[in-house]
Protein backbone atom coordinates (compact mmCIF):
# COMPACT_ATOMS: atom_id res chain seq x y z
CA UNK A 1 0.00 0.00 0.00
CA UNK A 2 2.92 2.34 0.63
CA UNK A 3 3.94 1.72 -2.97
CA UNK A 4 0.48 2.80 -4.12
CA UNK A 5 0.74 6.00 -2.08
CA UNK A 6 4.12 6.76 -3.62
CA UNK A 7 2.73 6.09 -7.11
CA UNK A 8 -0.20 8.45 -6.54
CA UNK A 9 2.12 11.23 -5.38
CA UNK A 10 4.41 10.64 -8.36
CA UNK A 11 1.48 10.77 -10.80
CA UNK A 12 0.23 13.99 -9.22
CA UNK A 13 3.66 15.49 -9.59
CA UNK A 14 4.05 14.42 -13.22
CA UNK A 15 0.54 15.32 -14.34
CA UNK A 16 0.50 18.73 -12.72
CA UNK A 17 4.10 19.56 -13.38
CA UNK A 18 4.32 20.48 -9.71
CA UNK A 19 6.74 19.58 -7.03
CA UNK A 20 5.72 17.33 -4.16
CA UNK A 21 7.11 18.76 -0.97
CA UNK A 22 7.21 16.85 2.30
CA UNK A 23 6.47 19.50 4.89
CA UNK A 24 6.64 17.26 7.92
CA UNK A 25 6.33 13.82 9.35
CA UNK A 26 6.91 11.62 12.34
CA UNK A 27 10.28 10.19 13.33
CA UNK A 28 9.16 6.59 12.74
CA UNK A 29 7.85 7.35 9.22
CA UNK A 30 4.27 6.37 10.03
CA UNK A 31 2.99 9.79 8.94
CA UNK A 32 4.11 12.27 6.29
CA UNK A 33 2.39 15.34 4.90
CA UNK A 34 2.99 18.09 2.42
CA UNK A 35 1.77 19.89 -0.68
CA UNK A 36 1.84 19.28 -4.43
CA UNK A 37 1.68 22.27 -6.77
CA UNK A 38 -1.02 21.45 -9.34
CA UNK A 39 -0.86 24.78 -11.20
CA UNK A 40 0.55 28.24 -10.46
CA UNK A 41 -0.75 29.48 -7.10
CA UNK A 42 -2.73 26.24 -6.51
CA UNK A 43 -1.56 23.48 -4.18
CA UNK A 44 -3.02 20.13 -3.12
CA UNK A 45 -2.49 19.00 0.49
CA UNK A 46 -1.68 15.33 1.07
CA UNK A 47 -1.22 13.22 4.20
CA UNK A 48 0.15 9.67 4.31
CA UNK A 49 -0.80 7.67 7.41
CA UNK A 50 0.28 4.11 8.17
CA UNK A 51 -1.80 2.33 10.80
CA UNK A 52 0.09 1.19 13.90
CA UNK A 53 -1.73 -2.18 13.68
CA UNK A 54 -0.90 -4.93 11.22
CA UNK A 55 -3.54 -6.94 9.40
CA UNK A 56 -4.57 -10.40 10.66
CA UNK A 57 -1.42 -12.15 9.40
CA UNK A 58 2.20 -10.95 9.18
CA UNK A 59 2.21 -11.61 5.43
CA UNK A 60 -0.36 -8.90 4.80
CA UNK A 61 0.74 -5.26 4.44
CA UNK A 62 0.06 -2.44 6.89
CA UNK A 63 -3.33 -0.75 6.45
CA UNK A 64 -2.49 2.59 4.81
CA UNK A 65 -4.40 5.81 4.20
CA UNK A 66 -3.45 8.51 1.70
CA UNK A 67 -5.65 11.53 2.34
CA UNK A 68 -5.92 14.18 -0.36
CA UNK A 69 -7.66 17.50 0.06
CA UNK A 70 -11.28 17.30 -0.98
CA UNK A 71 -13.42 14.31 -1.77
CA UNK A 72 -16.96 13.49 -2.93
CA UNK A 73 -18.65 15.39 -0.08
CA UNK A 74 -16.16 18.27 0.14
CA UNK A 75 -17.21 21.66 -1.23
CA UNK A 76 -15.02 23.06 -3.99
CA UNK A 77 -12.39 25.43 -2.66
CA UNK A 78 -10.03 27.87 -4.34
PDB file of N, CA and C in Angstrom:
ATOM      1  N   UNK A   1       0.816  -1.192   0.000  1.00  0.00           N
ATOM      2  CA  UNK A   1       0.000   0.000   0.000  1.00  0.00           C
ATOM      3  C   UNK A   1       0.862   1.259   0.000  1.00  0.00           C
ATOM      4  N   UNK A   2       2.010   1.194   0.645  1.00  0.00           N
ATOM      5  CA  UNK A   2       2.918   2.345   0.635  1.00  0.00           C
ATOM      6  C   UNK A   2       3.386   2.616  -0.788  1.00  0.00           C
ATOM      7  N   UNK A   3       3.550   1.552  -1.576  1.00  0.00           N
ATOM      8  CA  UNK A   3       3.943   1.717  -2.968  1.00  0.00           C
ATOM      9  C   UNK A   3       2.850   2.443  -3.738  1.00  0.00           C
ATOM     10  N   UNK A   4       1.600   2.119  -3.468  1.00  0.00           N
ATOM     11  CA  UNK A   4       0.483   2.801  -4.118  1.00  0.00           C
ATOM     12  C   UNK A   4       0.477   4.282  -3.765  1.00  0.00           C
ATOM     13  N   UNK A   5       0.703   4.597  -2.509  1.00  0.00           N
ATOM     14  CA  UNK A   5       0.740   5.998  -2.085  1.00  0.00           C
ATOM     15  C   UNK A   5       1.847   6.749  -2.801  1.00  0.00           C
ATOM     16  N   UNK A   6       3.008   6.131  -2.916  1.00  0.00           N
ATOM     17  CA  UNK A   6       4.120   6.764  -3.616  1.00  0.00           C
ATOM     18  C   UNK A   6       3.790   6.955  -5.089  1.00  0.00           C
ATOM     19  N   UNK A   7       3.129   5.978  -5.705  1.00  0.00           N
ATOM     20  CA  UNK A   7       2.729   6.088  -7.115  1.00  0.00           C
ATOM     21  C   UNK A   7       1.741   7.228  -7.323  1.00  0.00           C
ATOM     22  N   UNK A   8       0.777   7.368  -6.426  1.00  0.00           N
ATOM     23  CA  UNK A   8      -0.204   8.453  -6.540  1.00  0.00           C
ATOM     24  C   UNK A   8       0.488   9.802  -6.457  1.00  0.00           C
ATOM     25  N   UNK A   9       1.393   9.962  -5.508  1.00  0.00           N
ATOM     26  CA  UNK A   9       2.115  11.232  -5.382  1.00  0.00           C
ATOM     27  C   UNK A   9       2.973  11.510  -6.606  1.00  0.00           C
ATOM     28  N   UNK A  10       3.599  10.475  -7.156  1.00  0.00           N
ATOM     29  CA  UNK A  10       4.412  10.641  -8.360  1.00  0.00           C
ATOM     30  C   UNK A  10       3.544  11.046  -9.539  1.00  0.00           C
ATOM     31  N   UNK A  11       2.386  10.407  -9.702  1.00  0.00           N
ATOM     32  CA  UNK A  11       1.483  10.771 -10.796  1.00  0.00           C
ATOM     33  C   UNK A  11       0.975  12.200 -10.652  1.00  0.00           C
ATOM     34  N   UNK A  12       0.660  12.611  -9.439  1.00  0.00           N
ATOM     35  CA  UNK A  12       0.233  13.992  -9.218  1.00  0.00           C
ATOM     36  C   UNK A  12       1.328  14.966  -9.608  1.00  0.00           C
ATOM     37  N   UNK A  13       2.545  14.627  -9.267  1.00  0.00           N
ATOM     38  CA  UNK A  13       3.662  15.495  -9.588  1.00  0.00           C
ATOM     39  C   UNK A  13       3.867  15.573 -11.094  1.00  0.00           C
ATOM     40  N   UNK A  14       3.819  14.433 -11.783  1.00  0.00           N
ATOM     41  CA  UNK A  14       4.047  14.417 -13.222  1.00  0.00           C
ATOM     42  C   UNK A  14       2.906  15.057 -13.999  1.00  0.00           C
ATOM     43  N   UNK A  15       1.678  14.794 -13.600  1.00  0.00           N
ATOM     44  CA  UNK A  15       0.536  15.324 -14.340  1.00  0.00           C
ATOM     45  C   UNK A  15       0.364  16.819 -14.151  1.00  0.00           C
ATOM     46  N   UNK A  16       0.662  17.307 -12.981  1.00  0.00           N
ATOM     47  CA  UNK A  16       0.500  18.730 -12.721  1.00  0.00           C
ATOM     48  C   UNK A  16       1.753  19.529 -12.961  1.00  0.00           C
ATOM     49  N   UNK A  17       2.858  18.856 -13.199  1.00  0.00           N
ATOM     50  CA  UNK A  17       4.105  19.564 -13.381  1.00  0.00           C
ATOM     51  C   UNK A  17       4.601  20.197 -12.095  1.00  0.00           C
ATOM     52  N   UNK A  18       3.952  19.865 -10.984  1.00  0.00           N
ATOM     53  CA  UNK A  18       4.317  20.478  -9.714  1.00  0.00           C
ATOM     54  C   UNK A  18       5.375  19.688  -8.983  1.00  0.00           C
ATOM     55  N   UNK A  19       5.737  20.213  -7.865  1.00  0.00           N
ATOM     56  CA  UNK A  19       6.743  19.580  -7.034  1.00  0.00           C
ATOM     57  C   UNK A  19       6.086  19.119  -5.742  1.00  0.00           C
ATOM     58  N   UNK A  20       6.245  17.845  -5.418  1.00  0.00           N
ATOM     59  CA  UNK A  20       5.720  17.327  -4.159  1.00  0.00           C
ATOM     60  C   UNK A  20       6.708  17.670  -3.058  1.00  0.00           C
ATOM     61  N   UNK A  21       6.243  18.377  -2.073  1.00  0.00           N
ATOM     62  CA  UNK A  21       7.110  18.762  -0.966  1.00  0.00           C
ATOM     63  C   UNK A  21       6.627  18.089   0.308  1.00  0.00           C
ATOM     64  N   UNK A  22       7.541  17.420   0.997  1.00  0.00           N
ATOM     65  CA  UNK A  22       7.215  16.849   2.298  1.00  0.00           C
ATOM     66  C   UNK A  22       7.456  17.937   3.326  1.00  0.00           C
ATOM     67  N   UNK A  23       6.378  18.413   3.918  1.00  0.00           N
ATOM     68  CA  UNK A  23       6.468  19.501   4.889  1.00  0.00           C
ATOM     69  C   UNK A  23       6.802  18.994   6.279  1.00  0.00           C
ATOM     70  N   UNK A  24       6.403  17.781   6.579  1.00  0.00           N
ATOM     71  CA  UNK A  24       6.639  17.259   7.917  1.00  0.00           C
ATOM     72  C   UNK A  24       6.350  15.784   7.982  1.00  0.00           C
ATOM     73  N   UNK A  25       6.596  15.231   9.140  1.00  0.00           N
ATOM     74  CA  UNK A  25       6.335  13.820   9.347  1.00  0.00           C
ATOM     75  C   UNK A  25       6.808  13.392  10.715  1.00  0.00           C
ATOM     76  N   UNK A  26       6.495  12.159  11.049  1.00  0.00           N
ATOM     77  CA  UNK A  26       6.909  11.624  12.342  1.00  0.00           C
ATOM     78  C   UNK A  26       8.276  10.960  12.213  1.00  0.00           C
ATOM     79  N   UNK A  27       8.945  10.790  13.339  1.00  0.00           N
ATOM     80  CA  UNK A  27      10.284  10.187  13.333  1.00  0.00           C
ATOM     81  C   UNK A  27      10.282   8.742  12.857  1.00  0.00           C
ATOM     82  N   UNK A  28       9.205   8.002  13.136  1.00  0.00           N
ATOM     83  CA  UNK A  28       9.158   6.591  12.739  1.00  0.00           C
ATOM     84  C   UNK A  28       8.661   6.385  11.308  1.00  0.00           C
ATOM     85  N   UNK A  29       8.296   7.455  10.607  1.00  0.00           N
ATOM     86  CA  UNK A  29       7.853   7.347   9.224  1.00  0.00           C
ATOM     87  C   UNK A  29       6.416   6.911   9.051  1.00  0.00           C
ATOM     88  N   UNK A  30       5.652   6.818  10.145  1.00  0.00           N
ATOM     89  CA  UNK A  30       4.267   6.367  10.029  1.00  0.00           C
ATOM     90  C   UNK A  30       3.348   7.446   9.466  1.00  0.00           C
ATOM     91  N   UNK A  31       3.776   8.702   9.509  1.00  0.00           N
ATOM     92  CA  UNK A  31       2.991   9.795   8.942  1.00  0.00           C
ATOM     93  C   UNK A  31       3.912  10.758   8.203  1.00  0.00           C
ATOM     94  N   UNK A  32       3.427  11.236   7.061  1.00  0.00           N
ATOM     95  CA  UNK A  32       4.112  12.273   6.294  1.00  0.00           C
ATOM     96  C   UNK A  32       3.042  13.158   5.689  1.00  0.00           C
ATOM     97  N   UNK A  33       3.348  14.423   5.502  1.00  0.00           N
ATOM     98  CA  UNK A  33       2.387  15.336   4.899  1.00  0.00           C
ATOM     99  C   UNK A  33       3.118  16.421   4.145  1.00  0.00           C
ATOM    100  N   UNK A  34       2.385  17.028   3.219  1.00  0.00           N
ATOM    101  CA  UNK A  34       2.986  18.091   2.422  1.00  0.00           C
ATOM    102  C   UNK A  34       2.014  18.606   1.380  1.00  0.00           C
ATOM    103  N   UNK A  35       2.564  19.272   0.374  1.00  0.00           N
ATOM    104  CA  UNK A  35       1.770  19.885  -0.683  1.00  0.00           C
ATOM    105  C   UNK A  35       2.335  19.517  -2.043  1.00  0.00           C
ATOM    106  N   UNK A  36       1.461  19.456  -3.040  1.00  0.00           N
ATOM    107  CA  UNK A  36       1.844  19.281  -4.434  1.00  0.00           C
ATOM    108  C   UNK A  36       1.304  20.484  -5.183  1.00  0.00           C
ATOM    109  N   UNK A  37       2.160  21.143  -5.960  1.00  0.00           N
ATOM    110  CA  UNK A  37       1.681  22.271  -6.768  1.00  0.00           C
ATOM    111  C   UNK A  37       1.015  21.697  -8.010  1.00  0.00           C
ATOM    112  N   UNK A  38      -0.275  21.996  -8.203  1.00  0.00           N
ATOM    113  CA  UNK A  38      -1.019  21.455  -9.338  1.00  0.00           C
ATOM    114  C   UNK A  38      -1.113  22.439 -10.495  1.00  0.00           C
ATOM    115  N   UNK A  39      -0.952  23.712 -10.200  1.00  0.00           N
ATOM    116  CA  UNK A  39      -0.858  24.778 -11.203  1.00  0.00           C
ATOM    117  C   UNK A  39      -0.342  26.005 -10.460  1.00  0.00           C
ATOM    118  N   UNK A  40       0.035  27.051 -11.163  1.00  0.00           N
ATOM    119  CA  UNK A  40       0.546  28.236 -10.464  1.00  0.00           C
ATOM    120  C   UNK A  40      -0.454  28.746  -9.418  1.00  0.00           C
ATOM    121  N   UNK A  41       0.028  28.965  -8.229  1.00  0.00           N
ATOM    122  CA  UNK A  41      -0.750  29.482  -7.100  1.00  0.00           C
ATOM    123  C   UNK A  41      -1.841  28.525  -6.620  1.00  0.00           C
ATOM    124  N   UNK A  42      -1.754  27.246  -6.969  1.00  0.00           N
ATOM    125  CA  UNK A  42      -2.726  26.245  -6.508  1.00  0.00           C
ATOM    126  C   UNK A  42      -1.969  25.013  -6.021  1.00  0.00           C
ATOM    127  N   UNK A  43      -2.251  24.608  -4.790  1.00  0.00           N
ATOM    128  CA  UNK A  43      -1.563  23.477  -4.181  1.00  0.00           C
ATOM    129  C   UNK A  43      -2.572  22.478  -3.628  1.00  0.00           C
ATOM    130  N   UNK A  44      -2.198  21.212  -3.647  1.00  0.00           N
ATOM    131  CA  UNK A  44      -3.019  20.132  -3.117  1.00  0.00           C
ATOM    132  C   UNK A  44      -2.323  19.588  -1.876  1.00  0.00           C
ATOM    133  N   UNK A  45      -3.041  19.546  -0.753  1.00  0.00           N
ATOM    134  CA  UNK A  45      -2.491  18.999   0.486  1.00  0.00           C
ATOM    135  C   UNK A  45      -2.635  17.490   0.477  1.00  0.00           C
ATOM    136  N   UNK A  46      -1.604  16.777   0.940  1.00  0.00           N
ATOM    137  CA  UNK A  46      -1.676  15.325   1.068  1.00  0.00           C
ATOM    138  C   UNK A  46      -1.153  14.908   2.436  1.00  0.00           C
ATOM    139  N   UNK A  47      -1.635  13.750   2.900  1.00  0.00           N
ATOM    140  CA  UNK A  47      -1.222  13.223   4.197  1.00  0.00           C
ATOM    141  C   UNK A  47      -1.194  11.706   4.097  1.00  0.00           C
ATOM    142  N   UNK A  48      -0.034  11.116   4.327  1.00  0.00           N
ATOM    143  CA  UNK A  48       0.152   9.671   4.305  1.00  0.00           C
ATOM    144  C   UNK A  48       0.149   9.182   5.747  1.00  0.00           C
ATOM    145  N   UNK A  49      -0.684   8.208   6.053  1.00  0.00           N
ATOM    146  CA  UNK A  49      -0.799   7.671   7.407  1.00  0.00           C
ATOM    147  C   UNK A  49      -0.748   6.154   7.348  1.00  0.00           C
ATOM    148  N   UNK A  50       0.187   5.571   8.073  1.00  0.00           N
ATOM    149  CA  UNK A  50       0.283   4.114   8.169  1.00  0.00           C
ATOM    150  C   UNK A  50      -0.249   3.700   9.530  1.00  0.00           C
ATOM    151  N   UNK A  51      -1.200   2.790   9.546  1.00  0.00           N
ATOM    152  CA  UNK A  51      -1.799   2.330  10.798  1.00  0.00           C
ATOM    153  C   UNK A  51      -0.751   1.667  11.688  1.00  0.00           C
ATOM    154  N   UNK A  52      -0.841   1.857  13.003  1.00  0.00           N
ATOM    155  CA  UNK A  52       0.094   1.186  13.904  1.00  0.00           C
ATOM    156  C   UNK A  52      -0.218  -0.301  14.078  1.00  0.00           C
ATOM    157  N   UNK A  53      -1.316  -0.783  13.519  1.00  0.00           N
ATOM    158  CA  UNK A  53      -1.733  -2.181  13.679  1.00  0.00           C
ATOM    159  C   UNK A  53      -1.604  -2.928  12.359  1.00  0.00           C
ATOM    160  N   UNK A  54      -1.003  -4.087  12.412  1.00  0.00           N
ATOM    161  CA  UNK A  54      -0.903  -4.926  11.218  1.00  0.00           C
ATOM    162  C   UNK A  54      -2.238  -5.628  10.955  1.00  0.00           C
ATOM    163  N   UNK A  55      -2.373  -6.147   9.756  1.00  0.00           N
ATOM    164  CA  UNK A  55      -3.545  -6.945   9.397  1.00  0.00           C
ATOM    165  C   UNK A  55      -3.482  -8.278  10.145  1.00  0.00           C
ATOM    166  N   UNK A  56      -4.428  -9.150   9.895  1.00  0.00           N
ATOM    167  CA  UNK A  56      -4.565 -10.396  10.662  1.00  0.00           C
ATOM    168  C   UNK A  56      -3.348 -11.320  10.588  1.00  0.00           C
ATOM    169  N   UNK A  57      -2.601 -11.293   9.495  1.00  0.00           N
ATOM    170  CA  UNK A  57      -1.417 -12.154   9.404  1.00  0.00           C
ATOM    171  C   UNK A  57      -0.195 -11.306   9.039  1.00  0.00           C
ATOM    172  N   UNK A  58       0.995 -11.726   9.457  1.00  0.00           N
ATOM    173  CA  UNK A  58       2.202 -10.949   9.182  1.00  0.00           C
ATOM    174  C   UNK A  58       2.505 -10.802   7.692  1.00  0.00           C
ATOM    175  N   UNK A  59       1.965 -11.685   6.860  1.00  0.00           N
ATOM    176  CA  UNK A  59       2.208 -11.611   5.427  1.00  0.00           C
ATOM    177  C   UNK A  59       1.439 -10.507   4.728  1.00  0.00           C
ATOM    178  N   UNK A  60       0.441  -9.962   5.400  1.00  0.00           N
ATOM    179  CA  UNK A  60      -0.363  -8.897   4.798  1.00  0.00           C
ATOM    180  C   UNK A  60       0.267  -7.541   5.105  1.00  0.00           C
ATOM    181  N   UNK A  61       0.125  -6.571   4.215  1.00  0.00           N
ATOM    182  CA  UNK A  61       0.743  -5.261   4.439  1.00  0.00           C
ATOM    183  C   UNK A  61       0.017  -4.452   5.512  1.00  0.00           C
ATOM    184  N   UNK A  62       0.663  -3.382   5.945  1.00  0.00           N
ATOM    185  CA  UNK A  62       0.061  -2.442   6.889  1.00  0.00           C
ATOM    186  C   UNK A  62      -1.155  -1.785   6.243  1.00  0.00           C
ATOM    187  N   UNK A  63      -2.240  -1.579   6.979  1.00  0.00           N
ATOM    188  CA  UNK A  63      -3.330  -0.747   6.454  1.00  0.00           C
ATOM    189  C   UNK A  63      -2.794   0.676   6.266  1.00  0.00           C
ATOM    190  N   UNK A  64      -3.057   1.282   5.139  1.00  0.00           N
ATOM    191  CA  UNK A  64      -2.494   2.594   4.811  1.00  0.00           C
ATOM    192  C   UNK A  64      -3.589   3.526   4.328  1.00  0.00           C
ATOM    193  N   UNK A  65      -3.468   4.792   4.677  1.00  0.00           N
ATOM    194  CA  UNK A  65      -4.399   5.813   4.205  1.00  0.00           C
ATOM    195  C   UNK A  65      -3.599   6.920   3.545  1.00  0.00           C
ATOM    196  N   UNK A  66      -4.001   7.321   2.348  1.00  0.00           N
ATOM    197  CA  UNK A  66      -3.446   8.508   1.699  1.00  0.00           C
ATOM    198  C   UNK A  66      -4.599   9.481   1.564  1.00  0.00           C
ATOM    199  N   UNK A  67      -4.569  10.550   2.328  1.00  0.00           N
ATOM    200  CA  UNK A  67      -5.651  11.527   2.341  1.00  0.00           C
ATOM    201  C   UNK A  67      -5.263  12.692   1.455  1.00  0.00           C
ATOM    202  N   UNK A  68      -6.118  13.021   0.510  1.00  0.00           N
ATOM    203  CA  UNK A  68      -5.916  14.176  -0.360  1.00  0.00           C
ATOM    204  C   UNK A  68      -7.009  15.183  -0.070  1.00  0.00           C
ATOM    205  N   UNK A  69      -6.691  16.438  -0.194  1.00  0.00           N
ATOM    206  CA  UNK A  69      -7.665  17.497   0.057  1.00  0.00           C
ATOM    207  C   UNK A  69      -8.889  17.270  -0.812  1.00  0.00           C
ATOM    208  N   UNK A  70     -10.046  17.439  -0.227  1.00  0.00           N
ATOM    209  CA  UNK A  70     -11.282  17.299  -0.983  1.00  0.00           C
ATOM    210  C   UNK A  70     -11.863  15.903  -0.877  1.00  0.00           C
ATOM    211  N   UNK A  71     -12.746  15.589  -1.779  1.00  0.00           N
ATOM    212  CA  UNK A  71     -13.422  14.306  -1.772  1.00  0.00           C
ATOM    213  C   UNK A  71     -14.841  14.491  -2.265  1.00  0.00           C
ATOM    214  N   UNK A  72     -15.617  13.410  -2.363  1.00  0.00           N
ATOM    215  CA  UNK A  72     -16.956  13.495  -2.929  1.00  0.00           C
ATOM    216  C   UNK A  72     -17.903  14.422  -2.162  1.00  0.00           C
ATOM    217  N   UNK A  73     -17.728  14.561  -0.862  1.00  0.00           N
ATOM    218  CA  UNK A  73     -18.647  15.392  -0.078  1.00  0.00           C
ATOM    219  C   UNK A  73     -18.032  16.730   0.317  1.00  0.00           C
ATOM    220  N   UNK A  74     -16.879  17.043  -0.218  1.00  0.00           N
ATOM    221  CA  UNK A  74     -16.165  18.266   0.141  1.00  0.00           C
ATOM    222  C   UNK A  74     -16.517  19.367  -0.852  1.00  0.00           C
ATOM    223  N   UNK A  75     -16.875  20.536  -0.346  1.00  0.00           N
ATOM    224  CA  UNK A  75     -17.208  21.657  -1.226  1.00  0.00           C
ATOM    225  C   UNK A  75     -15.962  22.125  -1.965  1.00  0.00           C
ATOM    226  N   UNK A  76     -16.138  22.574  -3.191  1.00  0.00           N
ATOM    227  CA  UNK A  76     -15.015  23.065  -3.985  1.00  0.00           C
ATOM    228  C   UNK A  76     -14.397  24.281  -3.309  1.00  0.00           C
ATOM    229  N   UNK A  77     -13.082  24.290  -3.262  1.00  0.00           N
ATOM    230  CA  UNK A  77     -12.386  25.433  -2.663  1.00  0.00           C
ATOM    231  C   UNK A  77     -11.367  25.986  -3.639  1.00  0.00           C
ATOM    232  N   UNK A  78     -11.015  27.222  -3.459  1.00  0.00           N
ATOM    233  CA  UNK A  78     -10.028  27.866  -4.339  1.00  0.00           C
ATOM    234  C   UNK A  78      -8.671  27.835  -3.708  1.00  0.00           C
TER     235      UNK A  78
END
